[in-house]
Amino acid sequence: VHLEESGGGLVQPGGSLTLSCAASGFGFSRYAMSWYRQAPGKWRDLVARISNDGNSSEYADSVKGRFTISRDDSKNTVWLQMNSLKLEDTAVYYCHVLRLKSDYWGQGTQVTVSS
């Protein structure tokens, strides 16, 4: 299993970013995919999750209405569209899959929201 995130960077408050996660090494279309984030000194928290068929998703309360998770099984890719970014969205963002009772993570991509 390999997960590779991209798309992080520095953005001003109110700005937007789209994160991508390219997956390989497993049957991507069979698994729900998630984005987590971890700010310095804090736990790694769930940001968004999308079902294996893409028909349902869930979001942390702090990002509802601002972030959108999506997937394209033909590209083995999951995205996180982030709008109206806030200072408190600053964190390392990780792609995640739970497969056969094992957690798999990407290396993470840094998102910094700063004026």
C-alpha atoms as a PDB file:
ATOM      1  CA  VAL A   1       0.000   0.000   0.000  1.00  0.00           C
ATOM      2  CA  HIS A   2       1.319   3.399  -0.952  1.00  0.00           C
ATOM      3  CA  LEU A   3      -0.368   6.753  -0.356  1.00  0.00           C
ATOM      4  CA  GLU A   4       1.221   9.951  -1.605  1.00  0.00           C
ATOM      5  CA  GLU A   5      -0.194  13.350  -0.737  1.00  0.00           C
ATOM      6  CA  SER A   6       0.446  16.574  -2.605  1.00  0.00           C
ATOM      7  CA  GLY A   7      -0.952  20.066  -2.861  1.00  0.00           C
ATOM      8  CA  GLY A   8      -0.076  21.568   0.478  1.00  0.00           C
ATOM      9  CA  GLY A   9       1.434  24.995   0.865  1.00  0.00           C
ATOM     10  CA  LEU A  10       1.140  28.459   2.324  1.00  0.00           C
ATOM     11  CA  VAL A  11      -2.171  30.272   1.907  1.00  0.00           C
ATOM     12  CA  GLN A  12      -3.743  33.376   3.376  1.00  0.00           C
ATOM     13  CA  PRO A  13      -6.831  33.205   5.559  1.00  0.00           C
ATOM     14  CA  GLY A  14      -9.915  32.890   3.394  1.00  0.00           C
ATOM     15  CA  GLY A  15      -7.959  31.198   0.635  1.00  0.00           C
ATOM     16  CA  SER A  16      -8.304  27.772  -0.920  1.00  0.00           C
ATOM     17  CA  LEU A  17      -6.185  24.698  -1.499  1.00  0.00           C
ATOM     18  CA  THR A  18      -6.825  21.284  -2.969  1.00  0.00           C
ATOM     19  CA  LEU A  19      -4.949  18.304  -1.612  1.00  0.00           C
ATOM     20  CA  SER A  20      -4.500  15.137  -3.636  1.00  0.00           C
ATOM     21  CA  CYS A  21      -3.739  11.605  -2.530  1.00  0.00           C
ATOM     22  CA  ALA A  22      -2.535   9.126  -5.117  1.00  0.00           C
ATOM     23  CA  ALA A  23      -3.028   5.545  -3.968  1.00  0.00           C
ATOM     24  CA  SER A  24      -1.469   2.318  -5.179  1.00  0.00           C
ATOM     25  CA  GLY A  25      -0.859  -1.238  -4.123  1.00  0.00           C
ATOM     26  CA  PHE A  26      -4.392  -2.179  -3.149  1.00  0.00           C
ATOM     27  CA  GLY A  27      -7.925  -2.332  -4.513  1.00  0.00           C
ATOM     28  CA  PHE A  28      -8.646   1.369  -4.136  1.00  0.00           C
ATOM     29  CA  SER A  29     -12.305   1.188  -5.154  1.00  0.00           C
ATOM     30  CA  ARG A  30     -13.087  -1.275  -2.373  1.00  0.00           C
ATOM     31  CA  TYR A  31     -12.086   0.980   0.513  1.00  0.00           C
ATOM     32  CA  ALA A  32     -13.253   4.111   2.224  1.00  0.00           C
ATOM     33  CA  MET A  33     -10.614   6.821   2.191  1.00  0.00           C
ATOM     34  CA  SER A  34      -9.953   9.503   4.748  1.00  0.00           C
ATOM     35  CA  TRP A  35      -8.055  12.690   5.391  1.00  0.00           C
ATOM     36  CA  TYR A  36      -6.628  13.407   8.824  1.00  0.00           C
ATOM     37  CA  ARG A  37      -4.644  16.338  10.118  1.00  0.00           C
ATOM     38  CA  GLN A  38      -2.226  16.951  12.943  1.00  0.00           C
ATOM     39  CA  ALA A  39      -1.261  20.331  14.294  1.00  0.00           C
ATOM     40  CA  PRO A  40       1.869  20.765  16.434  1.00  0.00           C
ATOM     41  CA  GLY A  41       1.316  19.376  19.914  1.00  0.00           C
ATOM     42  CA  LYS A  42      -2.097  17.961  19.067  1.00  0.00           C
ATOM     43  CA  TRP A  43      -3.617  14.610  18.219  1.00  0.00           C
ATOM     44  CA  ARG A  44      -4.111  13.459  14.669  1.00  0.00           C
ATOM     45  CA  ASP A  45      -7.803  14.073  13.986  1.00  0.00           C
ATOM     46  CA  LEU A  46     -10.190  12.950  11.292  1.00  0.00           C
ATOM     47  CA  VAL A  47     -11.028  15.711   8.826  1.00  0.00           C
ATOM     48  CA  ALA A  48     -13.152  13.892   6.240  1.00  0.00           C
ATOM     49  CA  ARG A  49     -14.004  10.404   5.061  1.00  0.00           C
ATOM     50  CA  ILE A  50     -15.591   9.153   1.856  1.00  0.00           C
ATOM     51  CA  SER A  51     -17.189   5.759   1.365  1.00  0.00           C
ATOM     52  CA  ASN A  52     -15.800   3.225  -1.059  1.00  0.00           C
ATOM     53  CA  ASP A  53     -18.549   3.977  -3.574  1.00  0.00           C
ATOM     54  CA  GLY A  54     -18.275   7.719  -3.104  1.00  0.00           C
ATOM     55  CA  ASN A  55     -21.938   8.052  -2.202  1.00  0.00           C
ATOM     56  CA  SER A  56     -21.477   9.123   1.389  1.00  0.00           C
ATOM     57  CA  SER A  57     -19.037  11.295   3.269  1.00  0.00           C
ATOM     58  CA  GLU A  58     -18.531  12.669   6.726  1.00  0.00           C
ATOM     59  CA  TYR A  59     -16.706  15.706   8.028  1.00  0.00           C
ATOM     60  CA  ALA A  60     -15.354  17.068  11.253  1.00  0.00           C
ATOM     61  CA  ASP A  61     -17.620  19.785  12.596  1.00  0.00           C
ATOM     62  CA  SER A  62     -14.809  22.301  12.277  1.00  0.00           C
ATOM     63  CA  VAL A  63     -14.628  21.915   8.485  1.00  0.00           C
ATOM     64  CA  LYS A  64     -18.257  21.277   7.513  1.00  0.00           C
ATOM     65  CA  GLY A  65     -19.369  23.595   4.753  1.00  0.00           C
ATOM     66  CA  ARG A  66     -15.779  24.557   3.898  1.00  0.00           C
ATOM     67  CA  PHE A  67     -14.064  21.286   2.901  1.00  0.00           C
ATOM     68  CA  THR A  68     -15.155  18.702   0.341  1.00  0.00           C
ATOM     69  CA  ILE A  69     -13.765  15.215  -0.082  1.00  0.00           C
ATOM     70  CA  SER A  70     -14.063  13.431  -3.410  1.00  0.00           C
ATOM     71  CA  ARG A  71     -12.591  10.455  -5.233  1.00  0.00           C
ATOM     72  CA  ASP A  72     -12.016   9.099  -8.704  1.00  0.00           C
ATOM     73  CA  ASP A  73     -11.570   5.350  -8.758  1.00  0.00           C
ATOM     74  CA  SER A  74     -10.332   5.418 -12.346  1.00  0.00           C
ATOM     75  CA  LYS A  75      -7.379   7.494 -11.111  1.00  0.00           C
ATOM     76  CA  ASN A  76      -6.960   5.862  -7.690  1.00  0.00           C
ATOM     77  CA  THR A  77      -7.050   9.360  -6.257  1.00  0.00           C
ATOM     78  CA  VAL A  78      -8.864  11.125  -3.438  1.00  0.00           C
ATOM     79  CA  TRP A  79      -8.972  14.906  -3.069  1.00  0.00           C
ATOM     80  CA  LEU A  80      -9.688  17.351  -0.295  1.00  0.00           C
ATOM     81  CA  GLN A  81     -10.944  20.705  -1.526  1.00  0.00           C
ATOM     82  CA  MET A  82     -10.420  23.276   1.219  1.00  0.00           C
ATOM     83  CA  ASN A  83     -12.128  26.661   1.024  1.00  0.00           C
ATOM     84  CA  SER A  84     -12.370  29.610   3.404  1.00  0.00           C
ATOM     85  CA  LEU A  85      -9.233  28.452   5.160  1.00  0.00           C
ATOM     86  CA  LYS A  86      -8.642  29.620   8.706  1.00  0.00           C
ATOM     87  CA  LEU A  87      -5.519  29.993  10.810  1.00  0.00           C
ATOM     88  CA  GLU A  88      -6.586  26.953  12.812  1.00  0.00           C
ATOM     89  CA  ASP A  89      -6.543  24.771   9.695  1.00  0.00           C
ATOM     90  CA  THR A  90      -2.751  24.888   9.803  1.00  0.00           C
ATOM     91  CA  ALA A  91      -1.515  21.301  10.148  1.00  0.00           C
ATOM     92  CA  VAL A  92       0.080  18.384   8.387  1.00  0.00           C
ATOM     93  CA  TYR A  93      -2.619  16.618   6.397  1.00  0.00           C
ATOM     94  CA  TYR A  94      -2.481  12.853   5.955  1.00  0.00           C
ATOM     95  CA  CYS A  95      -4.253  10.488   3.618  1.00  0.00           C
ATOM     96  CA  HIS A  96      -5.435   7.274   5.275  1.00  0.00           C
ATOM     97  CA  VAL A  97      -6.926   3.900   4.466  1.00  0.00           C
ATOM     98  CA  LEU A  98      -7.972   1.116   6.821  1.00  0.00           C
ATOM     99  CA  ARG A  99      -7.343  -2.125   5.005  1.00  0.00           C
ATOM    100  CA  LEU A 100      -7.598  -5.596   6.508  1.00  0.00           C
ATOM    101  CA  LYS A 101      -7.552  -4.124  10.032  1.00  0.00           C
ATOM    102  CA  SER A 102      -4.310  -2.231   9.332  1.00  0.00           C
ATOM    103  CA  ASP A 103      -3.918   1.530   9.100  1.00  0.00           C
ATOM    104  CA  TYR A 104      -1.948   2.966   6.217  1.00  0.00           C
ATOM    105  CA  TRP A 105      -0.786   6.574   6.026  1.00  0.00           C
ATOM    106  CA  GLY A 106       0.893   8.800   3.531  1.00  0.00           C
ATOM    107  CA  GLN A 107       3.894  10.926   4.442  1.00  0.00           C
ATOM    108  CA  GLY A 108       1.716  14.010   4.923  1.00  0.00           C
ATOM    109  CA  THR A 109       1.589  17.421   3.317  1.00  0.00           C
ATOM    110  CA  GLN A 110       1.950  20.681   5.214  1.00  0.00           C
ATOM    111  CA  VAL A 111      -0.811  23.258   5.025  1.00  0.00           C
ATOM    112  CA  THR A 112      -0.005  26.627   6.557  1.00  0.00           C
ATOM    113  CA  VAL A 113      -2.631  29.338   6.788  1.00  0.00           C
ATOM    114  CA  SER A 114      -1.031  32.655   7.591  1.00  0.00           C
ATOM    115  CA  SER A 115      -1.325  36.313   6.727  1.00  0.00           C
END
